[in-house]
Amino acid sequence: APETLDDAEAAALHVGYQTGWFGLHRRARLEAGETLLVHAAAGGVG
């Protein structure tokens, strides 16, 4: 668990952020300067 995050924040770092990182970087290869549209942007995954 990252030392900079409390327990609740750390719990929330795992699935949603891993999904986001793999989706944006591994699958879509998002580059600086591109435009990203996120549906349900205020939700946990978004």
Full PDB file with SEQRES, HELIX, SHEET, SSBOND, CRYST1, ORIGX, SCALE, CONECT and MASTER records, all heavy atoms in Angstrom:
SEQRES   1 A   46  ALA PRO GLU THR LEU ASP ASP ALA GLU ALA ALA ALA LEU          
SEQRES   2 A   46  HIS VAL GLY TYR GLN THR GLY TRP PHE GLY LEU HIS ARG          
SEQRES   3 A   46  ARG ALA ARG LEU GLU ALA GLY GLU THR LEU LEU VAL HIS          
SEQRES   4 A   46  ALA ALA ALA GLY GLY VAL GLY                                  
HELIX    1 AA1 ASP A    7  ALA A   11  1                                   5    
HELIX    2 AA2 VAL A   15  TRP A   21  1                                   7    
HELIX    3 AA3 PHE A   22  ARG A   27  3                                   6    
CRYST1    1.000    1.000    1.000  90.00  90.00  90.00 P 1           1          
ORIGX1      1.000000  0.000000  0.000000        0.00000                         
ORIGX2      0.000000  1.000000  0.000000        0.00000                         
ORIGX3      0.000000  0.000000  1.000000        0.00000                         
SCALE1      1.000000  0.000000  0.000000        0.00000                         
SCALE2      0.000000  1.000000  0.000000        0.00000                         
SCALE3      0.000000  0.000000  1.000000        0.00000                         
ATOM      1  N   ALA A   1       0.852  -1.188   0.000  1.00  0.00           N  
ATOM      2  CA  ALA A   1       0.000   0.000   0.000  1.00  0.00           C  
ATOM      3  C   ALA A   1       0.891   1.243   0.000  1.00  0.00           C  
ATOM      4  O   ALA A   1       1.830   1.330   0.784  1.00  0.00           O  
ATOM      5  CB  ALA A   1      -0.911   0.011   1.214  1.00  0.00           C  
ATOM      6  N   PRO A   2       0.629   2.211  -0.882  1.00  0.00           N  
ATOM      7  CA  PRO A   2       1.435   3.435  -0.918  1.00  0.00           C  
ATOM      8  C   PRO A   2       1.407   4.177   0.420  1.00  0.00           C  
ATOM      9  O   PRO A   2       0.337   4.364   1.009  1.00  0.00           O  
ATOM     10  CB  PRO A   2       0.780   4.267  -2.023  1.00  0.00           C  
ATOM     11  CG  PRO A   2       0.097   3.267  -2.893  1.00  0.00           C  
ATOM     12  CD  PRO A   2      -0.380   2.197  -1.950  1.00  0.00           C  
ATOM     13  N   GLU A   3       2.567   4.587   0.899  1.00  0.00           N  
ATOM     14  CA  GLU A   3       2.653   5.263   2.190  1.00  0.00           C  
ATOM     15  C   GLU A   3       1.971   6.622   2.175  1.00  0.00           C  
ATOM     16  O   GLU A   3       1.552   7.122   3.225  1.00  0.00           O  
ATOM     17  CB  GLU A   3       4.115   5.414   2.596  1.00  0.00           C  
ATOM     18  CG  GLU A   3       4.825   4.084   2.837  1.00  0.00           C  
ATOM     19  CD  GLU A   3       6.277   4.264   3.224  1.00  0.00           C  
ATOM     20  OE1 GLU A   3       6.723   5.437   3.285  1.00  0.00           O  
ATOM     21  OE2 GLU A   3       6.958   3.253   3.458  1.00  0.00           O  
ATOM     22  N   THR A   4       1.846   7.230   0.995  1.00  0.00           N  
ATOM     23  CA  THR A   4       1.270   8.572   0.907  1.00  0.00           C  
ATOM     24  C   THR A   4      -0.255   8.574   0.954  1.00  0.00           C  
ATOM     25  O   THR A   4      -0.873   9.638   1.003  1.00  0.00           O  
ATOM     26  CB  THR A   4       1.723   9.268  -0.391  1.00  0.00           C  
ATOM     27  OG1 THR A   4       1.417   8.421  -1.504  1.00  0.00           O  
ATOM     28  CG2 THR A   4       3.220   9.541  -0.361  1.00  0.00           C  
ATOM     29  N   LEU A   5      -0.868   7.389   0.933  1.00  0.00           N  
ATOM     30  CA  LEU A   5      -2.328   7.292   0.934  1.00  0.00           C  
ATOM     31  C   LEU A   5      -2.815   6.615   2.210  1.00  0.00           C  
ATOM     32  O   LEU A   5      -2.178   5.674   2.704  1.00  0.00           O  
ATOM     33  CB  LEU A   5      -2.822   6.492  -0.277  1.00  0.00           C  
ATOM     34  CG  LEU A   5      -2.414   7.004  -1.662  1.00  0.00           C  
ATOM     35  CD1 LEU A   5      -2.963   6.067  -2.737  1.00  0.00           C  
ATOM     36  CD2 LEU A   5      -2.890   8.432  -1.890  1.00  0.00           C  
ATOM     37  N   ASP A   6      -3.955   7.073   2.740  1.00  0.00           N  
ATOM     38  CA  ASP A   6      -4.533   6.383   3.893  1.00  0.00           C  
ATOM     39  C   ASP A   6      -5.213   5.102   3.410  1.00  0.00           C  
ATOM     40  O   ASP A   6      -5.226   4.796   2.212  1.00  0.00           O  
ATOM     41  CB  ASP A   6      -5.475   7.296   4.677  1.00  0.00           C  
ATOM     42  CG  ASP A   6      -6.731   7.714   3.899  1.00  0.00           C  
ATOM     43  OD1 ASP A   6      -7.127   7.005   2.960  1.00  0.00           O  
ATOM     44  OD2 ASP A   6      -7.316   8.758   4.259  1.00  0.00           O  
ATOM     45  N   ASP A   7      -5.784   4.347   4.339  1.00  0.00           N  
ATOM     46  CA  ASP A   7      -6.326   3.032   3.993  1.00  0.00           C  
ATOM     47  C   ASP A   7      -7.425   3.107   2.935  1.00  0.00           C  
ATOM     48  O   ASP A   7      -7.440   2.321   1.976  1.00  0.00           O  
ATOM     49  CB  ASP A   7      -6.874   2.342   5.243  1.00  0.00           C  
ATOM     50  CG  ASP A   7      -5.791   1.951   6.234  1.00  0.00           C  
ATOM     51  OD1 ASP A   7      -4.619   1.865   5.824  1.00  0.00           O  
ATOM     52  OD2 ASP A   7      -6.121   1.736   7.415  1.00  0.00           O  
ATOM     53  N   ALA A   8      -8.351   4.055   3.096  1.00  0.00           N  
ATOM     54  CA  ALA A   8      -9.459   4.164   2.151  1.00  0.00           C  
ATOM     55  C   ALA A   8      -8.961   4.568   0.771  1.00  0.00           C  
ATOM     56  O   ALA A   8      -9.401   4.028  -0.256  1.00  0.00           O  
ATOM     57  CB  ALA A   8     -10.495   5.167   2.658  1.00  0.00           C  
ATOM     58  N   GLU A   9      -8.050   5.522   0.714  1.00  0.00           N  
ATOM     59  CA  GLU A   9      -7.485   5.956  -0.563  1.00  0.00           C  
ATOM     60  C   GLU A   9      -6.694   4.832  -1.212  1.00  0.00           C  
ATOM     61  O   GLU A   9      -6.769   4.618  -2.430  1.00  0.00           O  
ATOM     62  CB  GLU A   9      -6.599   7.175  -0.354  1.00  0.00           C  
ATOM     63  CG  GLU A   9      -7.351   8.420   0.075  1.00  0.00           C  
ATOM     64  CD  GLU A   9      -6.424   9.526   0.543  1.00  0.00           C  
ATOM     65  OE1 GLU A   9      -5.309   9.221   1.010  1.00  0.00           O  
ATOM     66  OE2 GLU A   9      -6.821  10.701   0.451  1.00  0.00           O  
ATOM     67  N   ALA A  10      -5.928   4.105  -0.392  1.00  0.00           N  
ATOM     68  CA  ALA A  10      -5.129   3.000  -0.928  1.00  0.00           C  
ATOM     69  C   ALA A  10      -6.022   1.908  -1.507  1.00  0.00           C  
ATOM     70  O   ALA A  10      -5.754   1.371  -2.589  1.00  0.00           O  
ATOM     71  CB  ALA A  10      -4.229   2.429   0.167  1.00  0.00           C  
ATOM     72  N   ALA A  11      -7.119   1.586  -0.801  1.00  0.00           N  
ATOM     73  CA  ALA A  11      -8.045   0.569  -1.303  1.00  0.00           C  
ATOM     74  C   ALA A  11      -8.608   0.972  -2.652  1.00  0.00           C  
ATOM     75  O   ALA A  11      -8.826   0.127  -3.531  1.00  0.00           O  
ATOM     76  CB  ALA A  11      -9.185   0.346  -0.302  1.00  0.00           C  
ATOM     77  N   ALA A  12      -8.823   2.272  -2.836  1.00  0.00           N  
ATOM     78  CA  ALA A  12      -9.411   2.770  -4.079  1.00  0.00           C  
ATOM     79  C   ALA A  12      -8.396   2.953  -5.194  1.00  0.00           C  
ATOM     80  O   ALA A  12      -8.773   3.269  -6.327  1.00  0.00           O  
ATOM     81  CB  ALA A  12     -10.119   4.107  -3.813  1.00  0.00           C  
ATOM     82  N   LEU A  13      -7.118   2.745  -4.897  1.00  0.00           N  
ATOM     83  CA  LEU A  13      -6.086   2.930  -5.926  1.00  0.00           C  
ATOM     84  C   LEU A  13      -5.960   1.723  -6.844  1.00  0.00           C  
ATOM     85  O   LEU A  13      -5.457   1.834  -7.957  1.00  0.00           O  
ATOM     86  CB  LEU A  13      -4.725   3.195  -5.265  1.00  0.00           C  
ATOM     87  CG  LEU A  13      -3.564   3.484  -6.234  1.00  0.00           C  
ATOM     88  CD1 LEU A  13      -3.695   4.896  -6.800  1.00  0.00           C  
ATOM     89  CD2 LEU A  13      -2.214   3.320  -5.544  1.00  0.00           C  
ATOM     90  N   HIS A  14      -6.435   0.589  -6.404  1.00  0.00           N  
ATOM     91  CA  HIS A  14      -6.081  -0.657  -7.070  1.00  0.00           C  
ATOM     92  C   HIS A  14      -6.827  -0.907  -8.383  1.00  0.00           C  
ATOM     93  O   HIS A  14      -6.302  -0.614  -9.462  1.00  0.00           O  
ATOM     94  CB  HIS A  14      -6.307  -1.812  -6.092  1.00  0.00           C  
ATOM     95  CG  HIS A  14      -5.617  -3.077  -6.474  1.00  0.00           C  
ATOM     96  ND1 HIS A  14      -5.854  -4.266  -5.835  1.00  0.00           N  
ATOM     97  CD2 HIS A  14      -4.720  -3.357  -7.437  1.00  0.00           C  
ATOM     98  CE1 HIS A  14      -5.110  -5.217  -6.377  1.00  0.00           C  
ATOM     99  NE2 HIS A  14      -4.432  -4.696  -7.358  1.00  0.00           N  
ATOM    100  N   VAL A  15      -8.052  -1.423  -8.337  1.00  0.00           N  
ATOM    101  CA  VAL A  15      -8.737  -1.876  -9.541  1.00  0.00           C  
ATOM    102  C   VAL A  15      -9.012  -0.738 -10.524  1.00  0.00           C  
ATOM    103  O   VAL A  15      -8.702  -0.824 -11.719  1.00  0.00           O  
ATOM    104  CB  VAL A  15     -10.050  -2.601  -9.188  1.00  0.00           C  
ATOM    105  CG1 VAL A  15     -10.810  -2.992 -10.454  1.00  0.00           C  
ATOM    106  CG2 VAL A  15      -9.770  -3.838  -8.346  1.00  0.00           C  
ATOM    107  N   GLY A  16      -9.610   0.357 -10.038  1.00  0.00           N  
ATOM    108  CA  GLY A  16      -9.967   1.460 -10.931  1.00  0.00           C  
ATOM    109  C   GLY A  16      -8.773   2.114 -11.596  1.00  0.00           C  
ATOM    110  O   GLY A  16      -8.804   2.421 -12.798  1.00  0.00           O  
ATOM    111  N   TYR A  17      -7.716   2.333 -10.838  1.00  0.00           N  
ATOM    112  CA  TYR A  17      -6.533   2.988 -11.409  1.00  0.00           C  
ATOM    113  C   TYR A  17      -5.719   2.031 -12.267  1.00  0.00           C  
ATOM    114  O   TYR A  17      -5.141   2.432 -13.285  1.00  0.00           O  
ATOM    115  CB  TYR A  17      -5.675   3.590 -10.288  1.00  0.00           C  
ATOM    116  CG  TYR A  17      -6.217   4.906  -9.794  1.00  0.00           C  
ATOM    117  CD1 TYR A  17      -7.213   4.946  -8.831  1.00  0.00           C  
ATOM    118  CD2 TYR A  17      -5.764   6.113 -10.317  1.00  0.00           C  
ATOM    119  CE1 TYR A  17      -7.737   6.149  -8.389  1.00  0.00           C  
ATOM    120  CE2 TYR A  17      -6.276   7.328  -9.882  1.00  0.00           C  
ATOM    121  CZ  TYR A  17      -7.262   7.339  -8.920  1.00  0.00           C  
ATOM    122  OH  TYR A  17      -7.784   8.539  -8.489  1.00  0.00           O  
ATOM    123  N   GLN A  18      -5.660   0.761 -11.864  1.00  0.00           N  
ATOM    124  CA  GLN A  18      -5.001  -0.219 -12.732  1.00  0.00           C  
ATOM    125  C   GLN A  18      -5.744  -0.312 -14.060  1.00  0.00           C  
ATOM    126  O   GLN A  18      -5.130  -0.322 -15.135  1.00  0.00           O  
ATOM    127  CB  GLN A  18      -4.969  -1.580 -12.047  1.00  0.00           C  
ATOM    128  CG  GLN A  18      -3.962  -1.710 -10.923  1.00  0.00           C  
ATOM    129  CD  GLN A  18      -2.695  -2.430 -11.342  1.00  0.00           C  
ATOM    130  OE1 GLN A  18      -2.633  -3.058 -12.398  1.00  0.00           O  
ATOM    131  NE2 GLN A  18      -1.660  -2.336 -10.523  1.00  0.00           N  
ATOM    132  N   THR A  19      -7.072  -0.350 -13.992  1.00  0.00           N  
ATOM    133  CA  THR A  19      -7.880  -0.403 -15.213  1.00  0.00           C  
ATOM    134  C   THR A  19      -7.622   0.823 -16.074  1.00  0.00           C  
ATOM    135  O   THR A  19      -7.450   0.724 -17.298  1.00  0.00           O  
ATOM    136  CB  THR A  19      -9.369  -0.502 -14.862  1.00  0.00           C  
ATOM    137  OG1 THR A  19      -9.594  -1.701 -14.105  1.00  0.00           O  
ATOM    138  CG2 THR A  19     -10.226  -0.540 -16.112  1.00  0.00           C  
ATOM    139  N   GLY A  20      -7.590   1.993 -15.449  1.00  0.00           N  
ATOM    140  CA  GLY A  20      -7.330   3.220 -16.185  1.00  0.00           C  
ATOM    141  C   GLY A  20      -5.949   3.236 -16.821  1.00  0.00           C  
ATOM    142  O   GLY A  20      -5.795   3.619 -17.989  1.00  0.00           O  
ATOM    143  N   TRP A  21      -4.941   2.811 -16.071  1.00  0.00           N  
ATOM    144  CA  TRP A  21      -3.566   2.819 -16.586  1.00  0.00           C  
ATOM    145  C   TRP A  21      -3.440   1.855 -17.767  1.00  0.00           C  
ATOM    146  O   TRP A  21      -2.885   2.214 -18.811  1.00  0.00           O  
ATOM    147  CB  TRP A  21      -2.588   2.436 -15.476  1.00  0.00           C  
ATOM    148  CG  TRP A  21      -1.148   2.598 -15.857  1.00  0.00           C  
ATOM    149  CD1 TRP A  21      -0.358   3.698 -15.687  1.00  0.00           C  
ATOM    150  CD2 TRP A  21      -0.312   1.606 -16.483  1.00  0.00           C  
ATOM    151  NE1 TRP A  21       0.909   3.463 -16.171  1.00  0.00           N  
ATOM    152  CE2 TRP A  21       0.971   2.189 -16.658  1.00  0.00           C  
ATOM    153  CE3 TRP A  21      -0.509   0.298 -16.910  1.00  0.00           C  
ATOM    154  CZ2 TRP A  21       2.038   1.496 -17.239  1.00  0.00           C  
ATOM    155  CZ3 TRP A  21       0.549  -0.395 -17.496  1.00  0.00           C  
ATOM    156  CH2 TRP A  21       1.800   0.201 -17.645  1.00  0.00           C  
ATOM    157  N   PHE A  22      -3.962   0.642 -17.623  1.00  0.00           N  
ATOM    158  CA  PHE A  22      -3.878  -0.323 -18.717  1.00  0.00           C  
ATOM    159  C   PHE A  22      -4.685   0.158 -19.916  1.00  0.00           C  
ATOM    160  O   PHE A  22      -4.260   0.008 -21.066  1.00  0.00           O  
ATOM    161  CB  PHE A  22      -4.373  -1.700 -18.259  1.00  0.00           C  
ATOM    162  CG  PHE A  22      -3.314  -2.532 -17.591  1.00  0.00           C  
ATOM    163  CD1 PHE A  22      -3.129  -2.466 -16.217  1.00  0.00           C  
ATOM    164  CD2 PHE A  22      -2.482  -3.356 -18.324  1.00  0.00           C  
ATOM    165  CE1 PHE A  22      -2.155  -3.223 -15.586  1.00  0.00           C  
ATOM    166  CE2 PHE A  22      -1.500  -4.125 -17.715  1.00  0.00           C  
ATOM    167  CZ  PHE A  22      -1.331  -4.054 -16.331  1.00  0.00           C  
ATOM    168  N   GLY A  23      -5.866   0.712 -19.658  1.00  0.00           N  
ATOM    169  CA  GLY A  23      -6.708   1.174 -20.756  1.00  0.00           C  
ATOM    170  C   GLY A  23      -6.089   2.317 -21.530  1.00  0.00           C  
ATOM    171  O   GLY A  23      -6.068   2.317 -22.770  1.00  0.00           O  
ATOM    172  N   LEU A  24      -5.564   3.291 -20.808  1.00  0.00           N  
ATOM    173  CA  LEU A  24      -5.034   4.488 -21.468  1.00  0.00           C  
ATOM    174  C   LEU A  24      -3.632   4.291 -22.010  1.00  0.00           C  
ATOM    175  O   LEU A  24      -3.309   4.778 -23.107  1.00  0.00           O  
ATOM    176  CB  LEU A  24      -5.048   5.665 -20.489  1.00  0.00           C  
ATOM    177  CG  LEU A  24      -6.431   6.088 -19.973  1.00  0.00           C  
ATOM    178  CD1 LEU A  24      -6.296   7.277 -19.030  1.00  0.00           C  
ATOM    179  CD2 LEU A  24      -7.370   6.410 -21.124  1.00  0.00           C  
ATOM    180  N   HIS A  25      -2.793   3.586 -21.274  1.00  0.00           N  
ATOM    181  CA  HIS A  25      -1.387   3.473 -21.675  1.00  0.00           C  
ATOM    182  C   HIS A  25      -1.062   2.169 -22.416  1.00  0.00           C  
ATOM    183  O   HIS A  25      -0.369   2.203 -23.433  1.00  0.00           O  
ATOM    184  CB  HIS A  25      -0.484   3.629 -20.448  1.00  0.00           C  
ATOM    185  CG  HIS A  25      -0.548   4.989 -19.830  1.00  0.00           C  
ATOM    186  ND1 HIS A  25      -0.072   6.110 -20.464  1.00  0.00           N  
ATOM    187  CD2 HIS A  25      -1.061   5.411 -18.652  1.00  0.00           C  
ATOM    188  CE1 HIS A  25      -0.276   7.174 -19.704  1.00  0.00           C  
ATOM    189  NE2 HIS A  25      -0.876   6.770 -18.596  1.00  0.00           N  
ATOM    190  N   ARG A  26      -1.549   1.059 -21.928  1.00  0.00           N  
ATOM    191  CA  ARG A  26      -1.224  -0.223 -22.559  1.00  0.00           C  
ATOM    192  C   ARG A  26      -2.061  -0.466 -23.816  1.00  0.00           C  
ATOM    193  O   ARG A  26      -1.546  -0.935 -24.831  1.00  0.00           O  
ATOM    194  CB  ARG A  26      -1.458  -1.349 -21.545  1.00  0.00           C  
ATOM    195  CG  ARG A  26      -1.093  -2.741 -22.059  1.00  0.00           C  
ATOM    196  CD  ARG A  26       0.406  -2.941 -22.110  1.00  0.00           C  
ATOM    197  NE  ARG A  26       0.731  -4.290 -22.567  1.00  0.00           N  
ATOM    198  CZ  ARG A  26       1.973  -4.740 -22.699  1.00  0.00           C  
ATOM    199  NH1 ARG A  26       2.989  -3.946 -22.396  1.00  0.00           N  
ATOM    200  NH2 ARG A  26       2.203  -5.961 -23.128  1.00  0.00           N  
ATOM    201  N   ARG A  27      -3.348  -0.148 -23.748  1.00  0.00           N  
ATOM    202  CA  ARG A  27      -4.226  -0.438 -24.871  1.00  0.00           C  
ATOM    203  C   ARG A  27      -4.332   0.727 -25.853  1.00  0.00           C  
ATOM    204  O   ARG A  27      -4.129   0.555 -27.042  1.00  0.00           O  
ATOM    205  CB  ARG A  27      -5.633  -0.818 -24.359  1.00  0.00           C  
ATOM    206  CG  ARG A  27      -5.651  -2.015 -23.416  1.00  0.00           C  
ATOM    207  CD  ARG A  27      -5.282  -3.317 -24.112  1.00  0.00           C  
ATOM    208  NE  ARG A  27      -6.408  -3.820 -24.900  1.00  0.00           N  
ATOM    209  CZ  ARG A  27      -6.312  -4.251 -26.160  1.00  0.00           C  
ATOM    210  NH1 ARG A  27      -5.143  -4.222 -26.789  1.00  0.00           N  
ATOM    211  NH2 ARG A  27      -7.363  -4.705 -26.786  1.00  0.00           N  
ATOM    212  N   ALA A  28      -4.638   1.925 -25.355  1.00  0.00           N  
ATOM    213  CA  ALA A  28      -4.880   3.052 -26.264  1.00  0.00           C  
ATOM    214  C   ALA A  28      -3.617   3.842 -26.600  1.00  0.00           C  
ATOM    215  O   ALA A  28      -3.629   4.637 -27.537  1.00  0.00           O  
ATOM    216  CB  ALA A  28      -5.922   3.992 -25.652  1.00  0.00           C  
ATOM    217  N   ARG A  29      -2.544   3.641 -25.827  1.00  0.00           N  
ATOM    218  CA  ARG A  29      -1.288   4.361 -26.076  1.00  0.00           C  
ATOM    219  C   ARG A  29      -1.521   5.876 -26.118  1.00  0.00           C  
ATOM    220  O   ARG A  29      -1.076   6.571 -27.040  1.00  0.00           O  
ATOM    221  CB  ARG A  29      -0.634   3.890 -27.376  1.00  0.00           C  
ATOM    222  CG  ARG A  29      -0.452   2.381 -27.483  1.00  0.00           C  
ATOM    223  CD  ARG A  29       0.582   1.846 -26.509  1.00  0.00           C  
ATOM    224  NE  ARG A  29       0.753   0.403 -26.632  1.00  0.00           N  
ATOM    225  CZ  ARG A  29       1.599  -0.326 -25.900  1.00  0.00           C  
ATOM    226  NH1 ARG A  29       2.331   0.260 -24.979  1.00  0.00           N  
ATOM    227  NH2 ARG A  29       1.686  -1.627 -26.077  1.00  0.00           N  
ATOM    228  N   LEU A  30      -2.205   6.381 -25.124  1.00  0.00           N  
ATOM    229  CA  LEU A  30      -2.487   7.812 -25.025  1.00  0.00           C  
ATOM    230  C   LEU A  30      -1.191   8.617 -25.001  1.00  0.00           C  
ATOM    231  O   LEU A  30      -0.250   8.275 -24.277  1.00  0.00           O  
ATOM    232  CB  LEU A  30      -3.289   8.095 -23.748  1.00  0.00           C  
ATOM    233  CG  LEU A  30      -3.636   9.547 -23.458  1.00  0.00           C  
ATOM    234  CD1 LEU A  30      -4.639  10.073 -24.471  1.00  0.00           C  
ATOM    235  CD2 LEU A  30      -4.185   9.685 -22.033  1.00  0.00           C  
ATOM    236  N   GLU A  31      -1.152   9.685 -25.788  1.00  0.00           N  
ATOM    237  CA  GLU A  31       0.027  10.531 -25.862  1.00  0.00           C  
ATOM    238  C   GLU A  31      -0.278  11.930 -25.351  1.00  0.00           C  
ATOM    239  O   GLU A  31      -1.424  12.401 -25.410  1.00  0.00           O  
ATOM    240  CB  GLU A  31       0.534  10.623 -27.307  1.00  0.00           C  
ATOM    241  CG  GLU A  31       0.983   9.294 -27.897  1.00  0.00           C  
ATOM    242  CD  GLU A  31       1.495   9.447 -29.320  1.00  0.00           C  
ATOM    243  OE1 GLU A  31       1.550  10.595 -29.811  1.00  0.00           O  
ATOM    244  OE2 GLU A  31       1.824   8.415 -29.940  1.00  0.00           O  
ATOM    245  N   ALA A  32       0.753  12.596 -24.833  1.00  0.00           N  
ATOM    246  CA  ALA A  32       0.605  13.975 -24.379  1.00  0.00           C  
ATOM    247  C   ALA A  32       0.123  14.838 -25.540  1.00  0.00           C  
ATOM    248  O   ALA A  32       0.564  14.677 -26.680  1.00  0.00           O  
ATOM    249  CB  ALA A  32       1.937  14.504 -23.848  1.00  0.00           C  
ATOM    250  N   GLY A  33      -0.815  15.728 -25.260  1.00  0.00           N  
ATOM    251  CA  GLY A  33      -1.358  16.602 -26.288  1.00  0.00           C  
ATOM    252  C   GLY A  33      -2.597  16.065 -26.961  1.00  0.00           C  
ATOM    253  O   GLY A  33      -3.289  16.814 -27.670  1.00  0.00           O  
ATOM    254  N   GLU A  34      -2.910  14.783 -26.766  1.00  0.00           N  
ATOM    255  CA  GLU A  34      -4.131  14.224 -27.346  1.00  0.00           C  
ATOM    256  C   GLU A  34      -5.343  14.602 -26.495  1.00  0.00           C  
ATOM    257  O   GLU A  34      -5.213  15.025 -25.339  1.00  0.00           O  
ATOM    258  CB  GLU A  34      -4.018  12.705 -27.468  1.00  0.00           C  
ATOM    259  CG  GLU A  34      -3.056  12.242 -28.550  1.00  0.00           C  
ATOM    260  CD  GLU A  34      -3.164  10.771 -28.848  1.00  0.00           C  
ATOM    261  OE1 GLU A  34      -3.195   9.961 -27.889  1.00  0.00           O  
ATOM    262  OE2 GLU A  34      -3.215  10.407 -30.046  1.00  0.00           O  
ATOM    263  N   THR A  35      -6.522  14.420 -27.088  1.00  0.00           N  
ATOM    264  CA  THR A  35      -7.766  14.689 -26.375  1.00  0.00           C  
ATOM    265  C   THR A  35      -8.362  13.369 -25.911  1.00  0.00           C  
ATOM    266  O   THR A  35      -8.554  12.443 -26.700  1.00  0.00           O  
ATOM    267  CB  THR A  35      -8.768  15.428 -27.277  1.00  0.00           C  
ATOM    268  OG1 THR A  35      -8.236  16.711 -27.619  1.00  0.00           O  
ATOM    269  CG2 THR A  35     -10.092  15.626 -26.545  1.00  0.00           C  
ATOM    270  N   LEU A  36      -8.657  13.302 -24.609  1.00  0.00           N  
ATOM    271  CA  LEU A  36      -9.259  12.127 -23.994  1.00  0.00           C  
ATOM    272  C   LEU A  36     -10.674  12.475 -23.545  1.00  0.00           C  
ATOM    273  O   LEU A  36     -10.880  13.470 -22.851  1.00  0.00           O  
ATOM    274  CB  LEU A  36      -8.430  11.692 -22.781  1.00  0.00           C  
ATOM    275  CG  LEU A  36      -9.081  10.678 -21.822  1.00  0.00           C  
ATOM    276  CD1 LEU A  36      -9.269   9.328 -22.505  1.00  0.00           C  
ATOM    277  CD2 LEU A  36      -8.236  10.545 -20.553  1.00  0.00           C  
ATOM    278  N   LEU A  37     -11.636  11.661 -23.938  1.00  0.00           N  
ATOM    279  CA  LEU A  37     -13.010  11.811 -23.468  1.00  0.00           C  
ATOM    280  C   LEU A  37     -13.308  10.676 -22.501  1.00  0.00           C  
ATOM    281  O   LEU A  37     -13.068   9.507 -22.815  1.00  0.00           O  
ATOM    282  CB  LEU A  37     -13.992  11.787 -24.638  1.00  0.00           C  
ATOM    283  CG  LEU A  37     -15.461  12.073 -24.314  1.00  0.00           C  
ATOM    284  CD1 LEU A  37     -16.164  12.697 -25.510  1.00  0.00           C  
ATOM    285  CD2 LEU A  37     -16.206  10.792 -23.898  1.00  0.00           C  
ATOM    286  N   VAL A  38     -13.814  11.034 -21.327  1.00  0.00           N  
ATOM    287  CA  VAL A  38     -14.127  10.033 -20.301  1.00  0.00           C  
ATOM    288  C   VAL A  38     -15.619  10.082 -19.987  1.00  0.00           C  
ATOM    289  O   VAL A  38     -16.136  11.111 -19.549  1.00  0.00           O  
ATOM    290  CB  VAL A  38     -13.327  10.289 -19.013  1.00  0.00           C  
ATOM    291  CG1 VAL A  38     -13.684   9.250 -17.948  1.00  0.00           C  
ATOM    292  CG2 VAL A  38     -11.822  10.281 -19.292  1.00  0.00           C  
ATOM    293  N   HIS A  39     -16.308   8.979 -20.224  1.00  0.00           N  
ATOM    294  CA  HIS A  39     -17.708   8.877 -19.839  1.00  0.00           C  
ATOM    295  C   HIS A  39     -17.790   8.567 -18.339  1.00  0.00           C  
ATOM    296  O   HIS A  39     -16.906   7.920 -17.777  1.00  0.00           O  
ATOM    297  CB  HIS A  39     -18.404   7.765 -20.624  1.00  0.00           C  
ATOM    298  CG  HIS A  39     -18.634   8.094 -22.061  1.00  0.00           C  
ATOM    299  ND1 HIS A  39     -19.585   9.008 -22.475  1.00  0.00           N  
ATOM    300  CD2 HIS A  39     -18.036   7.638 -23.200  1.00  0.00           C  
ATOM    301  CE1 HIS A  39     -19.575   9.098 -23.795  1.00  0.00           C  
ATOM    302  NE2 HIS A  39     -18.641   8.277 -24.259  1.00  0.00           N  
ATOM    303  N   ALA A  40     -18.860   9.042 -17.695  1.00  0.00           N  
ATOM    304  CA  ALA A  40     -19.045   8.863 -16.247  1.00  0.00           C  
ATOM    305  C   ALA A  40     -17.815   9.362 -15.497  1.00  0.00           C  
ATOM    306  O   ALA A  40     -17.265   8.685 -14.633  1.00  0.00           O  
ATOM    307  CB  ALA A  40     -19.327   7.405 -15.909  1.00  0.00           C  
ATOM    308  N   ALA A  41     -17.402  10.568 -15.837  1.00  0.00           N  
ATOM    309  CA  ALA A  41     -16.127  11.105 -15.352  1.00  0.00           C  
ATOM    310  C   ALA A  41     -16.098  11.350 -13.850  1.00  0.00           C  
ATOM    311  O   ALA A  41     -15.014  11.457 -13.272  1.00  0.00           O  
ATOM    312  CB  ALA A  41     -15.806  12.406 -16.093  1.00  0.00           C  
ATOM    313  N   ALA A  42     -17.256  11.454 -13.201  1.00  0.00           N  
ATOM    314  CA  ALA A  42     -17.282  11.703 -11.762  1.00  0.00           C  
ATOM    315  C   ALA A  42     -17.387  10.421 -10.949  1.00  0.00           C  
ATOM    316  O   ALA A  42     -17.357  10.456  -9.722  1.00  0.00           O  
ATOM    317  CB  ALA A  42     -18.446  12.628 -11.402  1.00  0.00           C  
ATOM    318  N   GLY A  43     -17.505   9.278 -11.629  1.00  0.00           N  
ATOM    319  CA  GLY A  43     -17.620   8.003 -10.930  1.00  0.00           C  
ATOM    320  C   GLY A  43     -16.267   7.458 -10.504  1.00  0.00           C  
ATOM    321  O   GLY A  43     -15.222   8.055 -10.748  1.00  0.00           O  
ATOM    322  N   GLY A  44     -16.283   6.288  -9.880  1.00  0.00           N  
ATOM    323  CA  GLY A  44     -15.039   5.702  -9.397  1.00  0.00           C  
ATOM    324  C   GLY A  44     -14.062   5.374 -10.504  1.00  0.00           C  
ATOM    325  O   GLY A  44     -12.881   5.728 -10.445  1.00  0.00           O  
ATOM    326  N   VAL A  45     -14.527   4.694 -11.542  1.00  0.00           N  
ATOM    327  CA  VAL A  45     -13.662   4.330 -12.667  1.00  0.00           C  
ATOM    328  C   VAL A  45     -13.310   5.566 -13.490  1.00  0.00           C  
ATOM    329  O   VAL A  45     -12.150   5.775 -13.862  1.00  0.00           O  
ATOM    330  CB  VAL A  45     -14.359   3.274 -13.549  1.00  0.00           C  
ATOM    331  CG1 VAL A  45     -13.553   2.999 -14.810  1.00  0.00           C  
ATOM    332  CG2 VAL A  45     -14.547   1.986 -12.765  1.00  0.00           C  
ATOM    333  N   GLY A  46     -14.307   6.405 -13.768  1.00  0.00           N  
ATOM    334  CA  GLY A  46     -14.071   7.591 -14.579  1.00  0.00           C  
ATOM    335  C   GLY A  46     -13.144   8.589 -13.930  1.00  0.00           C  
ATOM    336  O   GLY A  46     -12.282   9.176 -14.592  1.00  0.00           O  
TER     337      GLY A  46                                                      
MASTER        0    0    0    3    0    0    0    6  336    1    0    4          
END                                                                             
